PDB file of N, CA and C in Angstrom:
ATOM      1  N   MET A   1      76.753  73.891 138.310  1.00  0.00           N
ATOM      2  CA  MET A   1      77.412  72.840 139.041  1.00  0.00           C
ATOM      3  C   MET A   1      77.009  71.496 138.431  1.00  0.00           C
ATOM      4  N   ILE A   2      77.370  70.410 139.092  1.00  0.00           N
ATOM      5  CA  ILE A   2      77.152  69.118 138.466  1.00  0.00           C
ATOM      6  C   ILE A   2      76.635  68.076 139.457  1.00  0.00           C
ATOM      7  N   ILE A   3      76.127  66.988 138.882  1.00  0.00           N
ATOM      8  CA  ILE A   3      75.807  65.797 139.650  1.00  0.00           C
ATOM      9  C   ILE A   3      76.939  64.807 139.406  1.00  0.00           C
ATOM     10  N   THR A   4      77.536  64.331 140.492  1.00  0.00           N
ATOM     11  CA  THR A   4      78.627  63.376 140.399  1.00  0.00           C
ATOM     12  C   THR A   4      78.141  62.015 140.876  1.00  0.00           C
ATOM     13  N   ASP A   5      78.243  61.031 140.004  1.00  0.00           N
ATOM     14  CA  ASP A   5      77.814  59.676 140.325  1.00  0.00           C
ATOM     15  C   ASP A   5      78.976  58.915 140.965  1.00  0.00           C
ATOM     16  N   LEU A   6      78.878  58.681 142.254  1.00  0.00           N
ATOM     17  CA  LEU A   6      79.880  57.927 143.008  1.00  0.00           C
ATOM     18  C   LEU A   6      79.267  56.623 143.538  1.00  0.00           C
ATOM     19  N   SER A   7      78.254  56.128 142.828  1.00  0.00           N
ATOM     20  CA  SER A   7      77.461  55.003 143.312  1.00  0.00           C
ATOM     21  C   SER A   7      77.991  53.635 142.900  1.00  0.00           C
ATOM     22  N   ASN A   8      79.131  53.582 142.241  1.00  0.00           N
ATOM     23  CA  ASN A   8      79.720  52.305 141.819  1.00  0.00           C
ATOM     24  C   ASN A   8      78.756  51.451 141.001  1.00  0.00           C
ATOM     25  N   GLY A   9      78.059  52.092 140.072  1.00  0.00           N
ATOM     26  CA  GLY A   9      77.169  51.373 139.175  1.00  0.00           C
ATOM     27  C   GLY A   9      75.722  51.299 139.605  1.00  0.00           C
ATOM     28  N   ARG A  10      75.409  51.722 140.819  1.00  0.00           N
ATOM     29  CA  ARG A  10      74.028  51.633 141.313  1.00  0.00           C
ATOM     30  C   ARG A  10      73.090  52.505 140.478  1.00  0.00           C
ATOM     31  N   LEU A  11      73.529  53.700 140.097  1.00  0.00           N
ATOM     32  CA  LEU A  11      72.673  54.576 139.295  1.00  0.00           C
ATOM     33  C   LEU A  11      72.293  53.904 137.986  1.00  0.00           C
ATOM     34  N   ASP A  12      73.246  53.287 137.313  1.00  0.00           N
ATOM     35  CA  ASP A  12      72.952  52.582 136.066  1.00  0.00           C
ATOM     36  C   ASP A  12      72.007  51.412 136.307  1.00  0.00           C
ATOM     37  N   GLU A  13      72.189  50.693 137.407  1.00  0.00           N
ATOM     38  CA  GLU A  13      71.316  49.578 137.767  1.00  0.00           C
ATOM     39  C   GLU A  13      69.875  50.066 137.954  1.00  0.00           C
ATOM     40  N   ILE A  14      69.730  51.197 138.634  1.00  0.00           N
ATOM     41  CA  ILE A  14      68.400  51.753 138.897  1.00  0.00           C
ATOM     42  C   ILE A  14      67.732  52.202 137.599  1.00  0.00           C
ATOM     43  N   LYS A  15      68.487  52.874 136.751  1.00  0.00           N
ATOM     44  CA  LYS A  15      67.924  53.319 135.466  1.00  0.00           C
ATOM     45  C   LYS A  15      67.470  52.130 134.634  1.00  0.00           C
ATOM     46  N   ALA A  16      68.268  51.066 134.602  1.00  0.00           N
ATOM     47  CA  ALA A  16      67.905  49.865 133.843  1.00  0.00           C
ATOM     48  C   ALA A  16      66.648  49.221 134.423  1.00  0.00           C
ATOM     49  N   PHE A  17      66.566  49.143 135.747  1.00  0.00           N
ATOM     50  CA  PHE A  17      65.387  48.581 136.402  1.00  0.00           C
ATOM     51  C   PHE A  17      64.155  49.411 136.070  1.00  0.00           C
ATOM     52  N   ALA A  18      64.281  50.722 136.144  1.00  0.00           N
ATOM     53  CA  ALA A  18      63.152  51.613 135.847  1.00  0.00           C
ATOM     54  C   ALA A  18      62.656  51.395 134.420  1.00  0.00           C
ATOM     55  N   THR A  19      63.575  51.285 133.485  1.00  0.00           N
ATOM     56  CA  THR A  19      63.208  51.072 132.086  1.00  0.00           C
ATOM     57  C   THR A  19      62.522  49.724 131.904  1.00  0.00           C
ATOM     58  N   THR A  20      63.090  48.691 132.467  1.00  0.00           N
ATOM     59  CA  THR A  20      62.562  47.331 132.324  1.00  0.00           C
ATOM     60  C   THR A  20      61.173  47.175 132.940  1.00  0.00           C
ATOM     61  N   HIS A  21      60.900  47.898 134.028  1.00  0.00           N
ATOM     62  CA  HIS A  21      59.653  47.728 134.762  1.00  0.00           C
ATOM     63  C   HIS A  21      58.643  48.863 134.549  1.00  0.00           C
ATOM     64  N   GLY A  22      58.869  49.682 133.526  1.00  0.00           N
ATOM     65  CA  GLY A  22      57.915  50.749 133.227  1.00  0.00           C
ATOM     66  C   GLY A  22      57.838  51.826 134.287  1.00  0.00           C
ATOM     67  N   LEU A  23      58.954  52.080 134.974  1.00  0.00           N
ATOM     68  CA  LEU A  23      58.986  53.065 136.057  1.00  0.00           C
ATOM     69  C   LEU A  23      59.885  54.259 135.732  1.00  0.00           C
ATOM     70  N   THR A  24      60.170  54.432 134.455  1.00  0.00           N
ATOM     71  CA  THR A  24      61.065  55.519 134.049  1.00  0.00           C
ATOM     72  C   THR A  24      60.534  56.875 134.482  1.00  0.00           C
ATOM     73  N   GLU A  25      59.243  57.107 134.330  1.00  0.00           N
ATOM     74  CA  GLU A  25      58.663  58.400 134.702  1.00  0.00           C
ATOM     75  C   GLU A  25      58.864  58.694 136.188  1.00  0.00           C
ATOM     76  N   SER A  26      58.652  57.701 137.033  1.00  0.00           N
ATOM     77  CA  SER A  26      58.838  57.890 138.471  1.00  0.00           C
ATOM     78  C   SER A  26      60.281  58.257 138.788  1.00  0.00           C
ATOM     79  N   PHE A  27      61.224  57.507 138.206  1.00  0.00           N
ATOM     80  CA  PHE A  27      62.629  57.799 138.490  1.00  0.00           C
ATOM     81  C   PHE A  27      63.017  59.178 137.974  1.00  0.00           C
ATOM     82  N   GLU A  28      62.658  59.480 136.738  1.00  0.00           N
ATOM     83  CA  GLU A  28      63.042  60.768 136.149  1.00  0.00           C
ATOM     84  C   GLU A  28      62.432  61.947 136.901  1.00  0.00           C
ATOM     85  N   LYS A  29      61.196  61.813 137.333  1.00  0.00           N
ATOM     86  CA  LYS A  29      60.538  62.891 138.092  1.00  0.00           C
ATOM     87  C   LYS A  29      61.263  63.134 139.419  1.00  0.00           C
ATOM     88  N   THR A  30      61.631  62.061 140.092  1.00  0.00           N
ATOM     89  CA  THR A  30      62.336  62.185 141.369  1.00  0.00           C
ATOM     90  C   THR A  30      63.750  62.713 141.161  1.00  0.00           C
ATOM     91  N   PHE A  31      64.454  62.164 140.178  1.00  0.00           N
ATOM     92  CA  PHE A  31      65.827  62.586 139.893  1.00  0.00           C
ATOM     93  C   PHE A  31      65.880  64.052 139.465  1.00  0.00           C
ATOM     94  N   ALA A  32      64.834  64.538 138.815  1.00  0.00           N
ATOM     95  CA  ALA A  32      64.777  65.941 138.379  1.00  0.00           C
ATOM     96  C   ALA A  32      64.891  66.903 139.561  1.00  0.00           C
ATOM     97  N   ARG A  33      64.431  66.491 140.721  1.00  0.00           N
ATOM     98  CA  ARG A  33      64.556  67.348 141.909  1.00  0.00           C
ATOM     99  C   ARG A  33      66.023  67.568 142.256  1.00  0.00           C
ATOM    100  N   LEU A  34      66.835  66.526 142.117  1.00  0.00           N
ATOM    101  CA  LEU A  34      68.270  66.681 142.360  1.00  0.00           C
ATOM    102  C   LEU A  34      68.919  67.507 141.260  1.00  0.00           C
ATOM    103  N   GLU A  35      68.483  67.324 140.033  1.00  0.00           N
ATOM    104  CA  GLU A  35      69.018  68.102 138.917  1.00  0.00           C
ATOM    105  C   GLU A  35      68.747  69.597 139.101  1.00  0.00           C
ATOM    106  N   ARG A  36      67.603  69.946 139.651  1.00  0.00           N
ATOM    107  CA  ARG A  36      67.301  71.368 139.894  1.00  0.00           C
ATOM    108  C   ARG A  36      68.297  71.980 140.878  1.00  0.00           C
ATOM    109  N   HIS A  37      68.663  71.226 141.900  1.00  0.00           N
ATOM    110  CA  HIS A  37      69.686  71.727 142.827  1.00  0.00           C
ATOM    111  C   HIS A  37      70.987  71.983 142.083  1.00  0.00           C
ATOM    112  N   SER A  38      71.361  71.050 141.228  1.00  0.00           N
ATOM    113  CA  SER A  38      72.587  71.195 140.450  1.00  0.00           C
ATOM    114  C   SER A  38      72.522  72.420 139.543  1.00  0.00           C
ATOM    115  N   GLN A  39      71.390  72.630 138.909  1.00  0.00           N
ATOM    116  CA  GLN A  39      71.225  73.769 138.004  1.00  0.00           C
ATOM    117  C   GLN A  39      71.230  75.108 138.753  1.00  0.00           C
ATOM    118  N   ASN A  40      70.936  75.058 140.058  1.00  0.00           N
ATOM    119  CA  ASN A  40      70.916  76.274 140.868  1.00  0.00           C
ATOM    120  C   ASN A  40      72.228  76.522 141.602  1.00  0.00           C
ATOM    121  N   GLY A  41      73.303  75.892 141.135  1.00  0.00           N
ATOM    122  CA  GLY A  41      74.624  76.188 141.675  1.00  0.00           C
ATOM    123  C   GLY A  41      75.109  75.293 142.790  1.00  0.00           C
ATOM    124  N   PHE A  42      74.414  74.201 143.054  1.00  0.00           N
ATOM    125  CA  PHE A  42      74.826  73.277 144.089  1.00  0.00           C
ATOM    126  C   PHE A  42      75.521  72.073 143.461  1.00  0.00           C
ATOM    127  N   ASP A  43      76.412  71.449 144.206  1.00  0.00           N
ATOM    128  CA  ASP A  43      77.019  70.185 143.796  1.00  0.00           C
ATOM    129  C   ASP A  43      76.211  69.060 144.423  1.00  0.00           C
ATOM    130  N   VAL A  44      75.917  68.050 143.647  1.00  0.00           N
ATOM    131  CA  VAL A  44      75.168  66.889 144.122  1.00  0.00           C
ATOM    132  C   VAL A  44      76.026  65.650 143.910  1.00  0.00           C
ATOM    133  N   ASN A  45      76.300  64.928 144.987  1.00  0.00           N
ATOM    134  CA  ASN A  45      77.049  63.677 144.921  1.00  0.00           C
ATOM    135  C   ASN A  45      76.105  62.527 145.228  1.00  0.00           C
ATOM    136  N   LEU A  46      76.142  61.492 144.372  1.00  0.00           N
ATOM    137  CA  LEU A  46      75.302  60.314 144.543  1.00  0.00           C
ATOM    138  C   LEU A  46      76.154  59.133 144.987  1.00  0.00           C
ATOM    139  N   TYR A  47      75.629  58.375 145.950  1.00  0.00           N
ATOM    140  CA  TYR A  47      76.314  57.202 146.476  1.00  0.00           C
ATOM    141  C   TYR A  47      75.332  56.035 146.529  1.00  0.00           C
ATOM    142  N   SER A  48      75.857  54.833 146.563  1.00  0.00           N
ATOM    143  CA  SER A  48      75.039  53.648 146.748  1.00  0.00           C
ATOM    144  C   SER A  48      74.421  53.703 148.145  1.00  0.00           C
ATOM    145  N   ASP A  49      73.193  53.230 148.273  1.00  0.00           N
ATOM    146  CA  ASP A  49      72.487  53.207 149.552  1.00  0.00           C
ATOM    147  C   ASP A  49      72.276  51.753 149.968  1.00  0.00           C
ATOM    148  N   PHE A  50      72.047  51.515 151.249  1.00  0.00           N
ATOM    149  CA  PHE A  50      71.804  50.150 151.719  1.00  0.00           C
ATOM    150  C   PHE A  50      70.464  49.606 151.247  1.00  0.00           C
ATOM    151  N   ALA A  51      69.500  50.478 150.988  1.00  0.00           N
ATOM    152  CA  ALA A  51      68.176  50.032 150.567  1.00  0.00           C
ATOM    153  C   ALA A  51      68.193  49.632 149.090  1.00  0.00           C
ATOM    154  N   PRO A  52      67.449  48.611 148.724  1.00  0.00           N
ATOM    155  CA  PRO A  52      67.424  48.148 147.337  1.00  0.00           C
ATOM    156  C   PRO A  52      67.000  49.246 146.360  1.00  0.00           C
ATOM    157  N   LEU A  53      67.722  49.327 145.251  1.00  0.00           N
ATOM    158  CA  LEU A  53      67.408  50.254 144.155  1.00  0.00           C
ATOM    159  C   LEU A  53      67.314  51.703 144.625  1.00  0.00           C
ATOM    160  N   SER A  54      68.115  52.061 145.603  1.00  0.00           N
ATOM    161  CA  SER A  54      68.072  53.397 146.199  1.00  0.00           C
ATOM    162  C   SER A  54      69.461  54.030 146.217  1.00  0.00           C
ATOM    163  N   LEU A  55      69.480  55.348 146.343  1.00  0.00           N
ATOM    164  CA  LEU A  55      70.722  56.119 146.377  1.00  0.00           C
ATOM    165  C   LEU A  55      70.746  57.025 147.597  1.00  0.00           C
ATOM    166  N   TYR A  56      71.931  57.283 148.093  1.00  0.00           N
ATOM    167  CA  TYR A  56      72.171  58.308 149.107  1.00  0.00           C
ATOM    168  C   TYR A  56      72.725  59.519 148.373  1.00  0.00           C
ATOM    169  N   PHE A  57      72.331  60.731 148.763  1.00  0.00           N
ATOM    170  CA  PHE A  57      72.875  61.927 148.116  1.00  0.00           C
ATOM    171  C   PHE A  57      73.320  62.948 149.148  1.00  0.00           C
ATOM    172  N   GLU A  58      74.290  63.763 148.730  1.00  0.00           N
ATOM    173  CA  GLU A  58      74.747  64.917 149.507  1.00  0.00           C
ATOM    174  C   GLU A  58      74.739  66.124 148.587  1.00  0.00           C
ATOM    175  N   ILE A  59      74.235  67.219 149.094  1.00  0.00           N
ATOM    176  CA  ILE A  59      74.222  68.472 148.335  1.00  0.00           C
ATOM    177  C   ILE A  59      75.115  69.462 149.074  1.00  0.00           C
ATOM    178  N   THR A  60      76.031  70.065 148.331  1.00  0.00           N
ATOM    179  CA  THR A  60      76.945  71.055 148.903  1.00  0.00           C
ATOM    180  C   THR A  60      77.010  72.277 147.993  1.00  0.00           C
ATOM    181  N   ARG A  61      77.478  73.358 148.556  1.00  0.00           N
ATOM    182  CA  ARG A  61      77.764  74.565 147.775  1.00  0.00           C
ATOM    183  C   ARG A  61      79.067  75.116 148.310  1.00  0.00           C
ATOM    184  N   ASP A  62      80.012  75.335 147.399  1.00  0.00           N
ATOM    185  CA  ASP A  62      81.343  75.822 147.790  1.00  0.00           C
ATOM    186  C   ASP A  62      81.939  74.954 148.887  1.00  0.00           C
ATOM    187  N   GLU A  63      81.757  73.629 148.738  1.00  0.00           N
ATOM    188  CA  GLU A  63      82.275  72.622 149.657  1.00  0.00           C
ATOM    189  C   GLU A  63      81.672  72.688 151.057  1.00  0.00           C
ATOM    190  N   GLN A  64      80.556  73.393 151.202  1.00  0.00           N
ATOM    191  CA  GLN A  64      79.846  73.476 152.473  1.00  0.00           C
ATOM    192  C   GLN A  64      78.594  72.604 152.396  1.00  0.00           C
ATOM    193  N   PHE A  65      78.365  71.802 153.434  1.00  0.00           N
ATOM    194  CA  PHE A  65      77.201  70.934 153.488  1.00  0.00           C
ATOM    195  C   PHE A  65      75.906  71.743 153.442  1.00  0.00           C
ATOM    196  N   VAL A  66      74.947  71.292 152.641  1.00  0.00           N
ATOM    197  CA  VAL A  66      73.636  71.921 152.555  1.00  0.00           C
ATOM    198  C   VAL A  66      72.540  70.945 152.978  1.00  0.00           C
ATOM    199  N   LEU A  67      72.551  69.741 152.386  1.00  0.00           N
ATOM    200  CA  LEU A  67      71.450  68.799 152.599  1.00  0.00           C
ATOM    201  C   LEU A  67      71.907  67.397 152.216  1.00  0.00           C
ATOM    202  N   ASN A  68      71.352  66.396 152.881  1.00  0.00           N
ATOM    203  CA  ASN A  68      71.591  65.022 152.453  1.00  0.00           C
ATOM    204  C   ASN A  68      70.311  64.219 152.609  1.00  0.00           C
ATOM    205  N   GLY A  69      70.298  63.043 152.001  1.00  0.00           N
ATOM    206  CA  GLY A  69      69.120  62.196 152.098  1.00  0.00           C
ATOM    207  C   GLY A  69      69.221  61.031 151.158  1.00  0.00           C
ATOM    208  N   GLY A  70      68.058  60.489 150.814  1.00  0.00           N
ATOM    209  CA  GLY A  70      68.022  59.333 149.945  1.00  0.00           C
ATOM    210  C   GLY A  70      67.000  59.467 148.841  1.00  0.00           C
ATOM    211  N   VAL A  71      67.311  58.853 147.724  1.00  0.00           N
ATOM    212  CA  VAL A  71      66.349  58.638 146.648  1.00  0.00           C
ATOM    213  C   VAL A  71      65.946  57.179 146.844  1.00  0.00           C
ATOM    214  N   ILE A  72      64.816  56.975 147.510  1.00  0.00           N
ATOM    215  CA  ILE A  72      64.430  55.658 147.999  1.00  0.00           C
ATOM    216  C   ILE A  72      63.367  55.025 147.107  1.00  0.00           C
ATOM    217  N   PHE A  73      63.591  53.757 146.774  1.00  0.00           N
ATOM    218  CA  PHE A  73      62.622  53.009 145.988  1.00  0.00           C
ATOM    219  C   PHE A  73      61.638  52.318 146.920  1.00  0.00           C
ATOM    220  N   HIS A  74      60.349  52.594 146.721  1.00  0.00           N
ATOM    221  CA  HIS A  74      59.280  51.947 147.483  1.00  0.00           C
ATOM    222  C   HIS A  74      58.512  51.018 146.560  1.00  0.00           C
ATOM    223  N   GLY A  75      58.104  49.903 147.114  1.00  0.00           N
ATOM    224  CA  GLY A  75      57.314  48.926 146.378  1.00  0.00           C
ATOM    225  C   GLY A  75      56.830  47.855 147.335  1.00  0.00           C
ATOM    226  N   SER A  76      56.412  46.733 146.786  1.00  0.00           N
ATOM    227  CA  SER A  76      55.890  45.655 147.631  1.00  0.00           C
ATOM    228  C   SER A  76      56.934  45.137 148.623  1.00  0.00           C
ATOM    229  N   HIS A  77      58.216  45.259 148.262  1.00  0.00           N
ATOM    230  CA  HIS A  77      59.292  44.769 149.133  1.00  0.00           C
ATOM    231  C   HIS A  77      59.369  45.510 150.468  1.00  0.00           C
ATOM    232  N   ASP A  78      58.856  46.747 150.532  1.00  0.00           N
ATOM    233  CA  ASP A  78      58.896  47.513 151.786  1.00  0.00           C
ATOM    234  C   ASP A  78      57.508  48.002 152.193  1.00  0.00           C
ATOM    235  N   GLY A  79      56.475  47.288 151.742  1.00  0.00           N
ATOM    236  CA  GLY A  79      55.108  47.687 152.097  1.00  0.00           C
ATOM    237  C   GLY A  79      54.741  49.040 151.532  1.00  0.00           C
ATOM    238  N   TYR A  80      55.347  49.403 150.410  1.00  0.00           N
ATOM    239  CA  TYR A  80      55.122  50.696 149.744  1.00  0.00           C
ATOM    240  C   TYR A  80      55.443  51.864 150.674  1.00  0.00           C
ATOM    241  N   GLY A  81      56.517  51.692 151.431  1.00  0.00           N
ATOM    242  CA  GLY A  81      56.987  52.772 152.297  1.00  0.00           C
ATOM    243  C   GLY A  81      56.292  52.805 153.643  1.00  0.00           C
ATOM    244  N   ASN A  82      56.129  51.626 154.278  1.00  0.00           N
ATOM    245  CA  ASN A  82      55.438  51.589 155.574  1.00  0.00           C
ATOM    246  C   ASN A  82      56.381  51.806 156.759  1.00  0.00           C
ATOM    247  N   GLY A  83      57.657  52.072 156.481  1.00  0.00           N
ATOM    248  CA  GLY A  83      58.618  52.346 157.544  1.00  0.00           C
ATOM    249  C   GLY A  83      59.415  51.139 157.995  1.00  0.00           C
ATOM    250  N   GLY A  84      59.070  49.970 157.484  1.00  0.00           N
ATOM    251  CA  GLY A  84      59.771  48.755 157.876  1.00  0.00           C
ATOM    252  C   GLY A  84      60.954  48.437 156.982  1.00  0.00           C
ATOM    253  N   THR A  85      61.453  47.218 157.154  1.00  0.00           N
ATOM    254  CA  THR A  85      62.592  46.779 156.360  1.00  0.00           C
ATOM    255  C   THR A  85      62.184  46.613 154.910  1.00  0.00           C
ATOM    256  N   PRO A  86      63.056  46.722 153.967  1.00  0.00           N
ATOM    257  CA  PRO A  86      64.478  47.020 154.123  1.00  0.00           C
ATOM    258  C   PRO A  86      64.811  48.506 153.994  1.00  0.00           C
ATOM    259  N   THR A  87      63.814  49.371 153.747  1.00  0.00           N
ATOM    260  CA  THR A  87      64.143  50.787 153.516  1.00  0.00           C
ATOM    261  C   THR A  87      64.106  51.624 154.785  1.00  0.00           C
ATOM    262  N   PHE A  88      63.280  51.228 155.741  1.00  0.00           N
ATOM    263  CA  PHE A  88      63.089  51.996 156.978  1.00  0.00           C
ATOM    264  C   PHE A  88      62.669  53.433 156.677  1.00  0.00           C
ATOM    265  N   SER A  89      61.896  53.607 155.609  1.00  0.00           N
ATOM    266  CA  SER A  89      61.429  54.924 155.175  1.00  0.00           C
ATOM    267  C   SER A  89      59.920  54.894 155.004  1.00  0.00           C
ATOM    268  N   VAL A  90      59.293  56.002 155.317  1.00  0.00           N
ATOM    269  CA  VAL A  90      57.841  56.114 155.202  1.00  0.00           C
ATOM    270  C   VAL A  90      57.497  56.964 153.997  1.00  0.00           C
ATOM    271  N   SER A  91      56.650  56.416 153.140  1.00  0.00           N
ATOM    272  CA  SER A  91      56.171  57.166 151.984  1.00  0.00           C
ATOM    273  C   SER A  91      54.922  57.946 152.380  1.00  0.00           C
ATOM    274  N   LEU A  92      54.844  59.179 151.935  1.00  0.00           N
ATOM    275  CA  LEU A  92      53.674  60.008 152.214  1.00  0.00           C
ATOM    276  C   LEU A  92      52.661  59.981 151.079  1.00  0.00           C
ATOM    277  N   GLU A  93      52.947  59.169 150.058  1.00  0.00           N
ATOM    278  CA  GLU A  93      52.038  59.054 148.921  1.00  0.00           C
ATOM    279  C   GLU A  93      50.789  58.290 149.337  1.00  0.00           C
ATOM    280  N   ALA A  94      49.622  58.792 148.950  1.00  0.00           N
ATOM    281  CA  ALA A  94      48.371  58.129 149.283  1.00  0.00           C
ATOM    282  C   ALA A  94      48.187  56.832 148.497  1.00  0.00           C
ATOM    283  N   GLU A  95      48.664  56.821 147.265  1.00  0.00           N
ATOM    284  CA  GLU A  95      48.516  55.656 146.408  1.00  0.00           C
ATOM    285  C   GLU A  95      49.677  54.690 146.624  1.00  0.00           C
ATOM    286  N   ARG A  96      49.354  53.433 146.815  1.00  0.00           N
ATOM    287  CA  ARG A  96      50.384  52.405 147.014  1.00  0.00           C
ATOM    288  C   ARG A  96      50.843  51.921 145.643  1.00  0.00           C
ATOM    289  N   LYS A  97      51.952  52.481 145.173  1.00  0.00           N
ATOM    290  CA  LYS A  97      52.511  52.047 143.905  1.00  0.00           C
ATOM    291  C   LYS A  97      54.028  52.116 143.988  1.00  0.00           C
ATOM    292  N   ALA A  98      54.673  51.322 143.150  1.00  0.00           N
ATOM    293  CA  ALA A  98      56.128  51.275 143.136  1.00  0.00           C
ATOM    294  C   ALA A  98      56.695  52.544 142.516  1.00  0.00           C
ATOM    295  N   GLY A  99      57.797  53.034 143.101  1.00  0.00           N
ATOM    296  CA  GLY A  99      58.478  54.202 142.559  1.00  0.00           C
ATOM    297  C   GLY A  99      59.427  54.802 143.570  1.00  0.00           C
ATOM    298  N   TRP A 100      60.068  55.872 143.166  1.00  0.00           N
ATOM    299  CA  TRP A 100      61.092  56.526 143.975  1.00  0.00           C
ATOM    300  C   TRP A 100      60.556  57.799 144.609  1.00  0.00           C
ATOM    301  N   SER A 101      61.127  58.144 145.754  1.00  0.00           N
ATOM    302  CA  SER A 101      60.838  59.421 146.400  1.00  0.00           C
ATOM    303  C   SER A 101      62.083  59.896 147.133  1.00  0.00           C
ATOM    304  N   ILE A 102      62.133  61.204 147.354  1.00  0.00           N
ATOM    305  CA  ILE A 102      63.248  61.828 148.078  1.00  0.00           C
ATOM    306  C   ILE A 102      62.919  61.832 149.567  1.00  0.00           C
ATOM    307  N   HIS A 103      63.888  61.409 150.362  1.00  0.00           N
ATOM    308  CA  HIS A 103      63.766  61.453 151.811  1.00  0.00           C
ATOM    309  C   HIS A 103      64.967  62.207 152.369  1.00  0.00           C
ATOM    310  N   THR A 104      64.716  63.161 153.248  1.00  0.00           N
ATOM    311  CA  THR A 104      65.802  63.935 153.853  1.00  0.00           C
ATOM    312  C   THR A 104      65.740  63.833 155.355  1.00  0.00           C
TER     313      THR A 104
END
């Protein structure tokens, strides 16, 4: 199956940001989780998310819903995932560093 980018340029923006800020490894490691779903026969659709440098995703198989969530960027702008604005997501990482994580 495939990953379909329906993010209207957000994916490219995120990749460029990751490259510019030395965060390529974080993005690629997180994105690889979605790629594994695709390689295992699921369709993955990516959409722009309201949170900065983040994506919303939907995973389906045979047009049936399986899972959805976000590839969320955490950093100083959101207290490294403290649950507040602008991401409203909590990071479970012990180390406070900028990068992406999957939230479902």
